[in-house]
Amino acid sequence: MEYLLAWRMALAKDLLARSDVGIAEVAERVGYGSASTFSTAFSRHVGRPPGRFARQG
């Protein structure tokens, strides 16, 4: 299960680095049913929210 989470978050980081992909679309692409659930998981795993990660690169 940890491997799947790490893979999803690595994919999410790559997608967020592209300016043309929004958080809701990233959440859907990596398998989350809602953007808020994805944001919570991303923040716990990466240490900052996906919006801030996308802006700061």
N, C-alpha and C. Protein backbone atom coordinates (compact mmCIF):
# COMPACT_ATOMS: atom_id res chain seq x y z
N MET A 1 0.82 -1.19 0.00
CA MET A 1 0.00 0.00 0.00
C MET A 1 0.87 1.26 0.00
N GLU A 2 1.96 1.24 0.71
CA GLU A 2 2.87 2.39 0.75
C GLU A 2 3.47 2.65 -0.62
N TYR A 3 3.77 1.58 -1.34
CA TYR A 3 4.31 1.73 -2.69
C TYR A 3 3.31 2.45 -3.60
N LEU A 4 2.06 2.06 -3.52
CA LEU A 4 1.02 2.69 -4.34
C LEU A 4 0.90 4.17 -4.01
N LEU A 5 0.91 4.51 -2.74
CA LEU A 5 0.84 5.92 -2.34
C LEU A 5 2.04 6.69 -2.88
N ALA A 6 3.24 6.12 -2.73
CA ALA A 6 4.44 6.80 -3.23
C ALA A 6 4.38 6.98 -4.74
N TRP A 7 3.89 5.98 -5.46
CA TRP A 7 3.77 6.07 -6.91
C TRP A 7 2.77 7.15 -7.30
N ARG A 8 1.61 7.17 -6.63
CA ARG A 8 0.59 8.19 -6.92
C ARG A 8 1.14 9.59 -6.68
N MET A 9 1.85 9.78 -5.58
CA MET A 9 2.37 11.10 -5.25
C MET A 9 3.48 11.52 -6.21
N ALA A 10 4.31 10.59 -6.66
CA ALA A 10 5.34 10.92 -7.65
C ALA A 10 4.69 11.35 -8.95
N LEU A 11 3.66 10.64 -9.36
CA LEU A 11 2.93 11.00 -10.57
C LEU A 11 2.26 12.37 -10.40
N ALA A 12 1.67 12.60 -9.23
CA ALA A 12 1.02 13.87 -8.94
C ALA A 12 2.02 15.03 -8.99
N LYS A 13 3.21 14.83 -8.45
CA LYS A 13 4.24 15.88 -8.49
C LYS A 13 4.59 16.23 -9.93
N ASP A 14 4.75 15.21 -10.76
CA ASP A 14 5.06 15.46 -12.17
C ASP A 14 3.94 16.24 -12.85
N LEU A 15 2.70 15.84 -12.59
CA LEU A 15 1.57 16.53 -13.20
C LEU A 15 1.43 17.97 -12.70
N LEU A 16 1.66 18.18 -11.41
CA LEU A 16 1.55 19.52 -10.84
C LEU A 16 2.65 20.45 -11.35
N ALA A 17 3.77 19.89 -11.74
CA ALA A 17 4.86 20.71 -12.27
C ALA A 17 4.48 21.32 -13.62
N ARG A 18 3.50 20.73 -14.28
CA ARG A 18 3.00 21.27 -15.55
C ARG A 18 1.92 22.30 -15.23
N SER A 19 2.04 23.46 -15.76
CA SER A 19 1.11 24.54 -15.41
C SER A 19 -0.28 24.36 -16.01
N ASP A 20 -0.42 23.45 -16.97
CA ASP A 20 -1.70 23.30 -17.64
C ASP A 20 -2.64 22.29 -16.99
N VAL A 21 -2.25 21.72 -15.88
CA VAL A 21 -3.06 20.69 -15.22
C VAL A 21 -3.49 21.19 -13.84
N GLY A 22 -4.80 21.24 -13.60
CA GLY A 22 -5.32 21.70 -12.31
C GLY A 22 -5.34 20.60 -11.27
N ILE A 23 -5.53 20.97 -10.03
CA ILE A 23 -5.50 20.03 -8.92
C ILE A 23 -6.59 18.97 -9.04
N ALA A 24 -7.79 19.38 -9.42
CA ALA A 24 -8.88 18.41 -9.56
C ALA A 24 -8.56 17.37 -10.63
N GLU A 25 -7.96 17.80 -11.71
CA GLU A 25 -7.60 16.86 -12.78
C GLU A 25 -6.47 15.93 -12.32
N VAL A 26 -5.51 16.47 -11.60
CA VAL A 26 -4.43 15.63 -11.06
C VAL A 26 -5.02 14.57 -10.12
N ALA A 27 -5.92 15.01 -9.25
CA ALA A 27 -6.55 14.07 -8.31
C ALA A 27 -7.22 12.93 -9.06
N GLU A 28 -7.95 13.26 -10.10
CA GLU A 28 -8.64 12.24 -10.89
C GLU A 28 -7.65 11.31 -11.58
N ARG A 29 -6.62 11.88 -12.16
CA ARG A 29 -5.64 11.08 -12.91
C ARG A 29 -4.87 10.11 -12.01
N VAL A 30 -4.64 10.47 -10.76
CA VAL A 30 -3.88 9.56 -9.88
C VAL A 30 -4.79 8.67 -9.03
N GLY A 31 -6.10 8.75 -9.27
CA GLY A 31 -7.00 7.78 -8.67
C GLY A 31 -7.77 8.22 -7.45
N TYR A 32 -7.86 9.51 -7.20
CA TYR A 32 -8.64 10.00 -6.06
C TYR A 32 -10.03 10.44 -6.53
N GLY A 33 -11.02 10.17 -5.70
CA GLY A 33 -12.39 10.50 -6.03
C GLY A 33 -12.73 11.97 -5.85
N SER A 34 -11.94 12.66 -5.05
CA SER A 34 -12.21 14.08 -4.84
C SER A 34 -10.89 14.83 -4.67
N ALA A 35 -10.93 16.10 -5.02
CA ALA A 35 -9.74 16.94 -4.90
C ALA A 35 -9.36 17.15 -3.43
N SER A 36 -10.35 17.22 -2.54
CA SER A 36 -10.03 17.45 -1.13
C SER A 36 -9.33 16.23 -0.51
N THR A 37 -9.77 15.04 -0.86
CA THR A 37 -9.10 13.83 -0.37
C THR A 37 -7.67 13.76 -0.89
N PHE A 38 -7.51 14.08 -2.16
CA PHE A 38 -6.17 14.11 -2.75
C PHE A 38 -5.30 15.15 -2.05
N SER A 39 -5.83 16.35 -1.84
CA SER A 39 -5.06 17.42 -1.20
C SER A 39 -4.58 17.03 0.18
N THR A 40 -5.45 16.38 0.94
CA THR A 40 -5.08 15.93 2.28
C THR A 40 -3.95 14.91 2.21
N ALA A 41 -4.10 13.92 1.34
CA ALA A 41 -3.07 12.88 1.21
C ALA A 41 -1.76 13.47 0.70
N PHE A 42 -1.84 14.36 -0.27
CA PHE A 42 -0.65 14.99 -0.83
C PHE A 42 0.08 15.79 0.25
N SER A 43 -0.67 16.57 1.01
CA SER A 43 -0.07 17.39 2.07
C SER A 43 0.64 16.53 3.11
N ARG A 44 0.04 15.43 3.48
CA ARG A 44 0.66 14.53 4.46
C ARG A 44 1.93 13.89 3.90
N HIS A 45 1.89 13.52 2.64
CA HIS A 45 3.02 12.81 2.04
C HIS A 45 4.17 13.74 1.68
N VAL A 46 3.84 14.91 1.12
CA VAL A 46 4.86 15.82 0.59
C VAL A 46 5.25 16.89 1.61
N GLY A 47 4.34 17.25 2.48
CA GLY A 47 4.64 18.27 3.49
C GLY A 47 4.12 19.65 3.16
N ARG A 48 3.49 19.79 2.03
CA ARG A 48 2.84 21.06 1.66
C ARG A 48 1.68 20.76 0.71
N PRO A 49 0.71 21.63 0.67
CA PRO A 49 -0.47 21.40 -0.17
C PRO A 49 -0.11 21.41 -1.66
N PRO A 50 -0.90 20.73 -2.47
CA PRO A 50 -0.58 20.66 -3.91
C PRO A 50 -0.56 22.01 -4.60
N GLY A 51 -1.41 22.93 -4.19
CA GLY A 51 -1.39 24.27 -4.81
C GLY A 51 -0.08 24.98 -4.58
N ARG A 52 0.42 24.92 -3.38
CA ARG A 52 1.70 25.56 -3.06
C ARG A 52 2.84 24.83 -3.77
N PHE A 53 2.78 23.51 -3.80
CA PHE A 53 3.81 22.73 -4.51
C PHE A 53 3.86 23.15 -5.98
N ALA A 54 2.70 23.30 -6.60
CA ALA A 54 2.63 23.66 -8.02
C ALA A 54 3.21 25.05 -8.26
N ARG A 55 2.93 25.99 -7.36
CA ARG A 55 3.43 27.36 -7.53
C ARG A 55 4.92 27.46 -7.28
N GLN A 56 5.42 26.71 -6.31
CA GLN A 56 6.83 26.81 -5.93
C GLN A 56 7.72 25.87 -6.73
N GLY A 57 7.11 24.87 -7.34
CA GLY A 57 7.89 23.95 -8.16
C GLY A 57 8.73 23.01 -7.44
